[in-house]
PDB file of all heavy atoms in Angstrom:
ATOM      1  N   GLN A   1      92.813  83.069  82.007  1.00  0.00           N
ATOM      2  CA  GLN A   1      93.162  84.488  81.842  1.00  0.00           C
ATOM      3  C   GLN A   1      92.212  85.096  80.815  1.00  0.00           C
ATOM      4  O   GLN A   1      92.249  84.720  79.643  1.00  0.00           O
ATOM      5  CB  GLN A   1      94.602  84.621  81.345  1.00  0.00           C
ATOM      6  CG  GLN A   1      94.986  86.055  81.030  1.00  0.00           C
ATOM      7  CD  GLN A   1      96.293  86.147  80.249  1.00  0.00           C
ATOM      8  OE1 GLN A   1      96.869  85.141  79.851  1.00  0.00           O
ATOM      9  NE2 GLN A   1      96.740  87.366  80.021  1.00  0.00           N
ATOM     10  N   PRO A   2      91.343  86.023  81.224  1.00  0.00           N
ATOM     11  CA  PRO A   2      90.463  86.646  80.240  1.00  0.00           C
ATOM     12  C   PRO A   2      91.268  87.496  79.263  1.00  0.00           C
ATOM     13  O   PRO A   2      92.144  88.253  79.662  1.00  0.00           O
ATOM     14  CB  PRO A   2      89.519  87.498  81.078  1.00  0.00           C
ATOM     15  CG  PRO A   2      90.214  87.712  82.375  1.00  0.00           C
ATOM     16  CD  PRO A   2      91.134  86.552  82.577  1.00  0.00           C
ATOM     17  N   LEU A   3      90.991  87.335  77.981  1.00  0.00           N
ATOM     18  CA  LEU A   3      91.719  88.056  76.935  1.00  0.00           C
ATOM     19  C   LEU A   3      90.891  89.166  76.312  1.00  0.00           C
ATOM     20  O   LEU A   3      91.444  90.147  75.829  1.00  0.00           O
ATOM     21  CB  LEU A   3      92.166  87.078  75.841  1.00  0.00           C
ATOM     22  CG  LEU A   3      93.095  85.946  76.290  1.00  0.00           C
ATOM     23  CD1 LEU A   3      93.304  84.958  75.156  1.00  0.00           C
ATOM     24  CD2 LEU A   3      94.418  86.509  76.774  1.00  0.00           C
ATOM     25  N   ALA A   4      89.576  89.017  76.290  1.00  0.00           N
ATOM     26  CA  ALA A   4      88.730  90.032  75.654  1.00  0.00           C
ATOM     27  C   ALA A   4      87.287  89.873  76.106  1.00  0.00           C
ATOM     28  O   ALA A   4      86.827  88.766  76.394  1.00  0.00           O
ATOM     29  CB  ALA A   4      88.812  89.918  74.143  1.00  0.00           C
ATOM     30  N   HIS A   5      86.590  90.996  76.163  1.00  0.00           N
ATOM     31  CA  HIS A   5      85.154  91.027  76.413  1.00  0.00           C
ATOM     32  C   HIS A   5      84.588  92.069  75.456  1.00  0.00           C
ATOM     33  O   HIS A   5      84.839  93.260  75.614  1.00  0.00           O
ATOM     34  CB  HIS A   5      84.876  91.399  77.867  1.00  0.00           C
ATOM     35  CG  HIS A   5      83.418  91.385  78.204  1.00  0.00           C
ATOM     36  ND1 HIS A   5      82.926  91.924  79.378  1.00  0.00           N
ATOM     37  CD2 HIS A   5      82.338  90.892  77.539  1.00  0.00           C
ATOM     38  CE1 HIS A   5      81.617  91.755  79.427  1.00  0.00           C
ATOM     39  NE2 HIS A   5      81.227  91.138  78.308  1.00  0.00           N
ATOM     40  N   LEU A   6      83.887  91.601  74.446  1.00  0.00           N
ATOM     41  CA  LEU A   6      83.415  92.528  73.419  1.00  0.00           C
ATOM     42  C   LEU A   6      82.071  92.086  72.878  1.00  0.00           C
ATOM     43  O   LEU A   6      81.629  90.959  73.093  1.00  0.00           O
ATOM     44  CB  LEU A   6      84.443  92.650  72.293  1.00  0.00           C
ATOM     45  CG  LEU A   6      85.009  91.356  71.687  1.00  0.00           C
ATOM     46  CD1 LEU A   6      84.120  90.825  70.596  1.00  0.00           C
ATOM     47  CD2 LEU A   6      86.403  91.601  71.156  1.00  0.00           C
ATOM     48  N   GLY A   7      81.427  92.999  72.167  1.00  0.00           N
ATOM     49  CA  GLY A   7      80.139  92.684  71.577  1.00  0.00           C
ATOM     50  C   GLY A   7      79.783  93.654  70.472  1.00  0.00           C
ATOM     51  O   GLY A   7      80.402  94.709  70.334  1.00  0.00           O
ATOM     52  N   TRP A   8      78.799  93.281  69.692  1.00  0.00           N
ATOM     53  CA  TRP A   8      78.341  94.113  68.579  1.00  0.00           C
ATOM     54  C   TRP A   8      76.880  93.792  68.297  1.00  0.00           C
ATOM     55  O   TRP A   8      76.331  92.806  68.767  1.00  0.00           O
ATOM     56  CB  TRP A   8      79.200  93.881  67.342  1.00  0.00           C
ATOM     57  CG  TRP A   8      79.074  92.505  66.736  1.00  0.00           C
ATOM     58  CD1 TRP A   8      78.268  92.116  65.704  1.00  0.00           C
ATOM     59  CD2 TRP A   8      79.775  91.313  67.154  1.00  0.00           C
ATOM     60  NE1 TRP A   8      78.428  90.775  65.447  1.00  0.00           N
ATOM     61  CE2 TRP A   8      79.340  90.270  66.309  1.00  0.00           C
ATOM     62  CE3 TRP A   8      80.720  91.039  68.141  1.00  0.00           C
ATOM     63  CZ2 TRP A   8      79.831  88.961  66.447  1.00  0.00           C
ATOM     64  CZ3 TRP A   8      81.194  89.740  68.264  1.00  0.00           C
ATOM     65  CH2 TRP A   8      80.753  88.728  67.419  1.00  0.00           C
ATOM     66  N   THR A   9      76.240  94.651  67.503  1.00  0.00           N
ATOM     67  CA  THR A   9      74.843  94.476  67.102  1.00  0.00           C
ATOM     68  C   THR A   9      74.787  94.269  65.603  1.00  0.00           C
ATOM     69  O   THR A   9      75.446  94.983  64.848  1.00  0.00           O
ATOM     70  CB  THR A   9      74.017  95.724  67.480  1.00  0.00           C
ATOM     71  OG1 THR A   9      74.092  95.908  68.894  1.00  0.00           O
ATOM     72  CG2 THR A   9      72.569  95.568  67.078  1.00  0.00           C
ATOM     73  N   GLN A  10      74.003  93.273  65.170  1.00  0.00           N
ATOM     74  CA  GLN A  10      73.898  93.007  63.732  1.00  0.00           C
ATOM     75  C   GLN A  10      72.586  92.306  63.404  1.00  0.00           C
ATOM     76  O   GLN A  10      72.005  91.646  64.260  1.00  0.00           O
ATOM     77  CB  GLN A  10      75.061  92.156  63.252  1.00  0.00           C
ATOM     78  CG  GLN A  10      74.994  90.693  63.677  1.00  0.00           C
ATOM     79  CD  GLN A  10      75.973  89.842  62.901  1.00  0.00           C
ATOM     80  OE1 GLN A  10      77.096  89.649  63.332  1.00  0.00           O
ATOM     81  NE2 GLN A  10      75.545  89.342  61.769  1.00  0.00           N
ATOM     82  N   PRO A  11      72.134  92.446  62.150  1.00  0.00           N
ATOM     83  CA  PRO A  11      70.983  91.653  61.723  1.00  0.00           C
ATOM     84  C   PRO A  11      71.423  90.223  61.462  1.00  0.00           C
ATOM     85  O   PRO A  11      72.571  89.979  61.073  1.00  0.00           O
ATOM     86  CB  PRO A  11      70.532  92.342  60.426  1.00  0.00           C
ATOM     87  CG  PRO A  11      71.757  93.025  59.920  1.00  0.00           C
ATOM     88  CD  PRO A  11      72.573  93.385  61.118  1.00  0.00           C
ATOM     89  N   ALA A  12      70.545  89.268  61.707  1.00  0.00           N
ATOM     90  CA  ALA A  12      70.831  87.867  61.388  1.00  0.00           C
ATOM     91  C   ALA A  12      70.199  87.556  60.045  1.00  0.00           C
ATOM     92  O   ALA A  12      68.988  87.564  59.897  1.00  0.00           O
ATOM     93  CB  ALA A  12      70.279  86.954  62.466  1.00  0.00           C
ATOM     94  N   THR A  13      71.036  87.333  59.050  1.00  0.00           N
ATOM     95  CA  THR A  13      70.557  87.026  57.710  1.00  0.00           C
ATOM     96  C   THR A  13      70.822  85.557  57.408  1.00  0.00           C
ATOM     97  O   THR A  13      71.436  84.850  58.211  1.00  0.00           O
ATOM     98  CB  THR A  13      71.279  87.901  56.669  1.00  0.00           C
ATOM     99  OG1 THR A  13      72.693  87.669  56.775  1.00  0.00           O
ATOM    100  CG2 THR A  13      71.017  89.382  56.921  1.00  0.00           C
ATOM    101  N   ASP A  14      70.367  85.100  56.257  1.00  0.00           N
ATOM    102  CA  ASP A  14      70.646  83.711  55.900  1.00  0.00           C
ATOM    103  C   ASP A  14      72.117  83.559  55.516  1.00  0.00           C
ATOM    104  O   ASP A  14      72.852  84.529  55.385  1.00  0.00           O
ATOM    105  CB  ASP A  14      69.716  83.228  54.782  1.00  0.00           C
ATOM    106  CG  ASP A  14      69.874  84.019  53.491  1.00  0.00           C
ATOM    107  OD1 ASP A  14      70.941  84.639  53.287  1.00  0.00           O
ATOM    108  OD2 ASP A  14      68.940  84.015  52.681  1.00  0.00           O
ATOM    109  N   ARG A  15      72.541  82.301  55.365  1.00  0.00           N
ATOM    110  CA  ARG A  15      73.948  82.008  55.114  1.00  0.00           C
ATOM    111  C   ARG A  15      74.478  82.739  53.901  1.00  0.00           C
ATOM    112  O   ARG A  15      75.589  83.261  53.911  1.00  0.00           O
ATOM    113  CB  ARG A  15      74.136  80.500  54.936  1.00  0.00           C
ATOM    114  CG  ARG A  15      75.574  80.068  54.845  1.00  0.00           C
ATOM    115  CD  ARG A  15      75.686  78.624  54.425  1.00  0.00           C
ATOM    116  NE  ARG A  15      75.293  78.446  53.042  1.00  0.00           N
ATOM    117  CZ  ARG A  15      76.094  78.638  52.005  1.00  0.00           C
ATOM    118  NH1 ARG A  15      77.317  79.057  52.188  1.00  0.00           N
ATOM    119  NH2 ARG A  15      75.666  78.448  50.773  1.00  0.00           N
ATOM    120  N   ALA A  16      73.676  82.807  52.838  1.00  0.00           N
ATOM    121  CA  ALA A  16      74.144  83.424  51.591  1.00  0.00           C
ATOM    122  C   ALA A  16      74.378  84.920  51.747  1.00  0.00           C
ATOM    123  O   ALA A  16      75.186  85.500  51.022  1.00  0.00           O
ATOM    124  CB  ALA A  16      73.127  83.159  50.478  1.00  0.00           C
ATOM    125  N   SER A  17      73.683  85.570  52.678  1.00  0.00           N
ATOM    126  CA  SER A  17      73.819  87.016  52.856  1.00  0.00           C
ATOM    127  C   SER A  17      74.671  87.398  54.060  1.00  0.00           C
ATOM    128  O   SER A  17      74.857  88.576  54.334  1.00  0.00           O
ATOM    129  CB  SER A  17      72.433  87.647  53.032  1.00  0.00           C
ATOM    130  OG  SER A  17      71.580  87.285  51.973  1.00  0.00           O
ATOM    131  N   ALA A  18      75.178  86.411  54.788  1.00  0.00           N
ATOM    132  CA  ALA A  18      75.903  86.695  56.029  1.00  0.00           C
ATOM    133  C   ALA A  18      77.251  87.346  55.755  1.00  0.00           C
ATOM    134  O   ALA A  18      77.888  87.087  54.733  1.00  0.00           O
ATOM    135  CB  ALA A  18      76.100  85.408  56.813  1.00  0.00           C
ATOM    136  N   HIS A  19      77.650  88.215  56.666  1.00  0.00           N
ATOM    137  CA  HIS A  19      78.952  88.877  56.613  1.00  0.00           C
ATOM    138  C   HIS A  19      79.711  88.592  57.887  1.00  0.00           C
ATOM    139  O   HIS A  19      79.122  88.429  58.953  1.00  0.00           O
ATOM    140  CB  HIS A  19      78.796  90.399  56.466  1.00  0.00           C
ATOM    141  CG  HIS A  19      78.221  90.823  55.169  1.00  0.00           C
ATOM    142  ND1 HIS A  19      78.949  90.881  54.010  1.00  0.00           N
ATOM    143  CD2 HIS A  19      76.962  91.204  54.839  1.00  0.00           C
ATOM    144  CE1 HIS A  19      78.178  91.293  53.019  1.00  0.00           C
ATOM    145  NE2 HIS A  19      76.954  91.488  53.502  1.00  0.00           N
ATOM    146  N   TYR A  20      81.021  88.536  57.776  1.00  0.00           N
ATOM    147  CA  TYR A  20      81.869  88.427  58.959  1.00  0.00           C
ATOM    148  C   TYR A  20      82.073  89.819  59.557  1.00  0.00           C
ATOM    149  O   TYR A  20      82.016  90.813  58.863  1.00  0.00           O
ATOM    150  CB  TYR A  20      83.228  87.830  58.603  1.00  0.00           C
ATOM    151  CG  TYR A  20      83.185  86.335  58.408  1.00  0.00           C
ATOM    152  CD1 TYR A  20      82.992  85.779  57.141  1.00  0.00           C
ATOM    153  CD2 TYR A  20      83.345  85.472  59.488  1.00  0.00           C
ATOM    154  CE1 TYR A  20      82.955  84.412  56.967  1.00  0.00           C
ATOM    155  CE2 TYR A  20      83.312  84.104  59.323  1.00  0.00           C
ATOM    156  CZ  TYR A  20      83.115  83.570  58.060  1.00  0.00           C
ATOM    157  OH  TYR A  20      83.069  82.218  57.891  1.00  0.00           O
ATOM    158  N   VAL A  21      82.326  89.839  60.854  1.00  0.00           N
ATOM    159  CA  VAL A  21      82.722  91.070  61.528  1.00  0.00           C
ATOM    160  C   VAL A  21      84.144  90.847  62.031  1.00  0.00           C
ATOM    161  O   VAL A  21      84.458  89.798  62.586  1.00  0.00           O
ATOM    162  CB  VAL A  21      81.750  91.437  62.680  1.00  0.00           C
ATOM    163  CG1 VAL A  21      81.652  90.322  63.703  1.00  0.00           C
ATOM    164  CG2 VAL A  21      82.181  92.732  63.342  1.00  0.00           C
ATOM    165  N   SER A  22      85.016  91.823  61.803  1.00  0.00           N
ATOM    166  CA  SER A  22      86.386  91.748  62.294  1.00  0.00           C
ATOM    167  C   SER A  22      86.378  92.035  63.791  1.00  0.00           C
ATOM    168  O   SER A  22      86.006  93.122  64.224  1.00  0.00           O
ATOM    169  CB  SER A  22      87.279  92.762  61.575  1.00  0.00           C
ATOM    170  OG  SER A  22      88.515  92.889  62.264  1.00  0.00           O
ATOM    171  N   LEU A  23      86.788  91.050  64.589  1.00  0.00           N
ATOM    172  CA  LEU A  23      86.808  91.249  66.033  1.00  0.00           C
ATOM    173  C   LEU A  23      87.943  92.172  66.447  1.00  0.00           C
ATOM    174  O   LEU A  23      87.840  92.871  67.455  1.00  0.00           O
ATOM    175  CB  LEU A  23      86.912  89.900  66.738  1.00  0.00           C
ATOM    176  CG  LEU A  23      85.753  88.933  66.451  1.00  0.00           C
ATOM    177  CD1 LEU A  23      85.933  87.636  67.219  1.00  0.00           C
ATOM    178  CD2 LEU A  23      84.407  89.560  66.766  1.00  0.00           C
ATOM    179  N   ASN A  24      89.005  92.209  65.666  1.00  0.00           N
ATOM    180  CA  ASN A  24      90.101  93.131  65.975  1.00  0.00           C
ATOM    181  C   ASN A  24      89.662  94.577  65.805  1.00  0.00           C
ATOM    182  O   ASN A  24      90.100  95.461  66.545  1.00  0.00           O
ATOM    183  CB  ASN A  24      91.324  92.817  65.119  1.00  0.00           C
ATOM    184  CG  ASN A  24      91.876  91.434  65.445  1.00  0.00           C
ATOM    185  OD1 ASN A  24      91.473  90.452  64.838  1.00  0.00           O
ATOM    186  ND2 ASN A  24      92.756  91.357  66.428  1.00  0.00           N
ATOM    187  N   ALA A  25      88.763  94.831  64.846  1.00  0.00           N
ATOM    188  CA  ALA A  25      88.235  96.185  64.663  1.00  0.00           C
ATOM    189  C   ALA A  25      87.362  96.604  65.841  1.00  0.00           C
ATOM    190  O   ALA A  25      87.155  97.791  66.082  1.00  0.00           O
ATOM    191  CB  ALA A  25      87.436  96.262  63.365  1.00  0.00           C
ATOM    192  N   LEU A  26      86.856  95.617  66.605  1.00  0.00           N
ATOM    193  CA  LEU A  26      86.034  95.908  67.786  1.00  0.00           C
ATOM    194  C   LEU A  26      86.871  95.980  69.054  1.00  0.00           C
ATOM    195  O   LEU A  26      86.336  96.150  70.138  1.00  0.00           O
ATOM    196  CB  LEU A  26      84.953  94.833  67.946  1.00  0.00           C
ATOM    197  CG  LEU A  26      83.872  94.787  66.863  1.00  0.00           C
ATOM    198  CD1 LEU A  26      82.995  93.560  67.043  1.00  0.00           C
ATOM    199  CD2 LEU A  26      83.031  96.054  66.883  1.00  0.00           C
ATOM    200  N   GLY A  27      88.196  95.800  68.932  1.00  0.00           N
ATOM    201  CA  GLY A  27      89.072  95.943  70.090  1.00  0.00           C
ATOM    202  C   GLY A  27      89.743  94.665  70.544  1.00  0.00           C
ATOM    203  O   GLY A  27      90.405  94.648  71.582  1.00  0.00           O
ATOM    204  N   LEU A  28      89.597  93.572  69.794  1.00  0.00           N
ATOM    205  CA  LEU A  28      90.249  92.312  70.164  1.00  0.00           C
ATOM    206  C   LEU A  28      91.757  92.460  70.057  1.00  0.00           C
ATOM    207  O   LEU A  28      92.276  92.979  69.079  1.00  0.00           O
ATOM    208  CB  LEU A  28      89.763  91.192  69.246  1.00  0.00           C
ATOM    209  CG  LEU A  28      90.244  89.777  69.570  1.00  0.00           C
ATOM    210  CD1 LEU A  28      89.770  89.347  70.942  1.00  0.00           C
ATOM    211  CD2 LEU A  28      89.765  88.806  68.510  1.00  0.00           C
ATOM    212  N   ASP A  29      92.465  91.985  71.104  1.00  0.00           N
ATOM    213  CA  ASP A  29      93.932  92.102  71.138  1.00  0.00           C
ATOM    214  C   ASP A  29      94.459  90.982  72.020  1.00  0.00           C
ATOM    215  O   ASP A  29      93.869  89.908  72.070  1.00  0.00           O
ATOM    216  CB  ASP A  29      94.322  93.487  71.669  1.00  0.00           C
ATOM    217  CG  ASP A  29      95.738  93.888  71.271  1.00  0.00           C
ATOM    218  OD1 ASP A  29      96.444  93.054  70.686  1.00  0.00           O
ATOM    219  OD2 ASP A  29      96.132  95.020  71.555  1.00  0.00           O
ATOM    220  N   ASN A  30      95.552  91.212  72.733  1.00  0.00           N
ATOM    221  CA  ASN A  30      96.145  90.234  73.645  1.00  0.00           C
ATOM    222  C   ASN A  30      96.536  88.936  72.955  1.00  0.00           C
ATOM    223  O   ASN A  30      96.359  87.846  73.506  1.00  0.00           O
ATOM    224  CB  ASN A  30      95.200  89.922  74.821  1.00  0.00           C
ATOM    225  CG  ASN A  30      95.057  91.087  75.761  1.00  0.00           C
ATOM    226  OD1 ASN A  30      95.997  91.853  75.958  1.00  0.00           O
ATOM    227  ND2 ASN A  30      93.884  91.249  76.340  1.00  0.00           N
ATOM    228  N   GLY A  31      97.043  89.054  71.730  1.00  0.00           N
ATOM    229  CA  GLY A  31      97.507  87.875  71.014  1.00  0.00           C
ATOM    230  C   GLY A  31      96.422  87.116  70.287  1.00  0.00           C
ATOM    231  O   GLY A  31      96.685  86.088  69.663  1.00  0.00           O
TER     232      GLY A  31
END
C-alpha cells in the first residue's frame, strides 16, 4: 500500500553541516 510520494531539493553538505528535513512538513501522512 503506497503511503507517500514526496521529494525536495537541497544542497549536499558534509556530515557536520547536514540538516534534517521534516517529511511531515512536505506532506507525509497516513500514519
